[in-house]
Amino acid sequence: MSVSKPVPRFVPTLTEVVRPGLPQAPSVAKQIDPVQLAEQVLQIVKPRLEQQLRASLQTVIEQHLRTATPRIRAELQEAIQLAVAQSIAGLNQTKN
């Protein structure tokens, strides 16, 4: 025959679930400051953003240079020919 023990007067009661290894969430929700959050996100993405911006700008600048170089060379050649022609014309007039 088994003898039952008397039940203690104060029995501990489980009031929250505890999972080992996981950090417990704070009991009071923290207010989120949108300005501070935006600054934190910007600080995180800023290096990558600058890298992508530089790469994109370099590509755009190289494309513009490829298309503009022949036009600039032609305009420069025309300007030099005009300047030489005017100089020769000026020399010819001073000889006369």
Protein backbone atom coordinates (compact mmCIF):
# COMPACT_ATOMS: atom_id res chain seq x y z
CA MET A 1 0.00 0.00 0.00
CA SER A 2 1.35 3.39 -0.93
CA VAL A 3 1.20 6.27 1.38
CA SER A 4 0.58 9.63 -0.26
CA LYS A 5 2.58 12.60 0.90
CA PRO A 6 0.81 15.68 2.00
CA VAL A 7 0.69 18.47 -0.64
CA PRO A 8 2.93 21.42 0.25
CA ARG A 9 1.17 24.62 1.19
CA PHE A 10 3.05 26.76 -1.41
CA VAL A 11 3.44 25.14 -4.82
CA PRO A 12 5.55 27.04 -7.36
CA THR A 13 3.57 28.01 -10.41
CA LEU A 14 5.02 28.39 -13.91
CA THR A 15 4.10 31.89 -15.12
CA GLU A 16 6.23 32.19 -18.29
CA VAL A 17 7.64 29.87 -20.89
CA VAL A 18 11.43 29.73 -20.88
CA ARG A 19 13.24 28.22 -23.84
CA PRO A 20 16.88 27.44 -23.23
CA GLY A 21 19.36 29.10 -25.56
CA LEU A 22 17.01 31.78 -26.88
CA PRO A 23 17.26 35.35 -25.64
CA GLN A 24 14.17 36.52 -23.88
CA ALA A 25 12.22 39.33 -25.45
CA PRO A 26 12.07 42.49 -23.39
CA SER A 27 8.85 42.79 -21.49
CA VAL A 28 8.39 46.45 -22.46
CA ALA A 29 8.20 47.24 -26.17
CA LYS A 30 10.79 49.83 -27.19
CA GLN A 31 9.56 52.82 -29.17
CA ILE A 32 11.08 52.95 -32.66
CA ASP A 33 12.53 56.29 -33.69
CA PRO A 34 12.05 56.50 -37.50
CA VAL A 35 14.84 59.05 -37.96
CA GLN A 36 17.33 56.99 -36.00
CA LEU A 37 16.27 53.82 -37.81
CA ALA A 38 16.69 55.53 -41.20
CA GLU A 39 20.19 56.72 -40.21
CA GLN A 40 21.17 53.22 -39.09
CA VAL A 41 19.94 51.69 -42.35
CA LEU A 42 21.78 54.38 -44.33
CA GLN A 43 25.01 53.66 -42.47
CA ILE A 44 24.64 49.98 -43.32
CA VAL A 45 23.90 50.44 -47.03
CA LYS A 46 26.06 53.52 -47.65
CA PRO A 47 29.32 51.71 -48.58
CA ARG A 48 27.56 49.39 -51.05
CA LEU A 49 25.48 52.27 -52.42
CA GLU A 50 28.59 54.37 -53.06
CA GLN A 51 30.29 51.42 -54.76
CA GLN A 52 27.32 50.84 -57.07
CA LEU A 53 27.01 54.56 -57.79
CA ARG A 54 30.68 54.80 -58.77
CA ALA A 55 30.38 51.78 -61.05
CA SER A 56 27.23 53.15 -62.69
CA LEU A 57 28.73 56.60 -63.18
CA GLN A 58 31.91 55.13 -64.62
CA THR A 59 29.88 53.15 -67.15
CA VAL A 60 27.81 56.20 -68.15
CA ILE A 61 30.89 58.43 -68.46
CA GLU A 62 32.71 55.86 -70.61
CA GLN A 63 29.69 55.57 -72.92
CA HIS A 64 29.46 59.34 -73.33
CA LEU A 65 33.19 59.60 -74.00
CA ARG A 66 32.98 56.90 -76.68
CA THR A 67 30.20 58.75 -78.47
CA ALA A 68 31.60 62.25 -77.91
CA THR A 69 35.26 61.60 -78.80
CA PRO A 70 34.82 61.50 -82.61
CA ARG A 71 32.71 64.67 -82.55
CA ILE A 72 35.21 66.49 -80.32
CA ARG A 73 38.12 65.42 -82.55
CA ALA A 74 36.29 66.64 -85.66
CA GLU A 75 35.45 69.99 -84.03
CA LEU A 76 39.04 70.38 -82.79
CA GLN A 77 40.44 69.57 -86.22
CA GLU A 78 38.09 72.09 -87.82
CA ALA A 79 39.03 74.77 -85.28
CA ILE A 80 42.77 74.16 -85.84
CA GLN A 81 42.38 74.26 -89.63
CA LEU A 82 40.42 77.52 -89.36
CA ALA A 83 43.04 79.05 -87.03
CA VAL A 84 45.88 78.01 -89.37
CA ALA A 85 44.04 79.33 -92.40
CA GLN A 86 43.40 82.66 -90.68
CA SER A 87 47.03 82.89 -89.61
CA ILE A 88 48.24 82.21 -93.15
CA ALA A 89 45.76 84.75 -94.50
CA GLY A 90 47.01 87.29 -91.99
CA LEU A 91 50.62 86.67 -92.98
CA ASN A 92 49.75 87.05 -96.65
CA GLN A 93 48.03 90.38 -96.02
CA THR A 94 50.96 91.79 -94.09
CA LYS A 95 53.30 90.87 -96.98
CA ASN A 96 51.23 92.83 -99.42
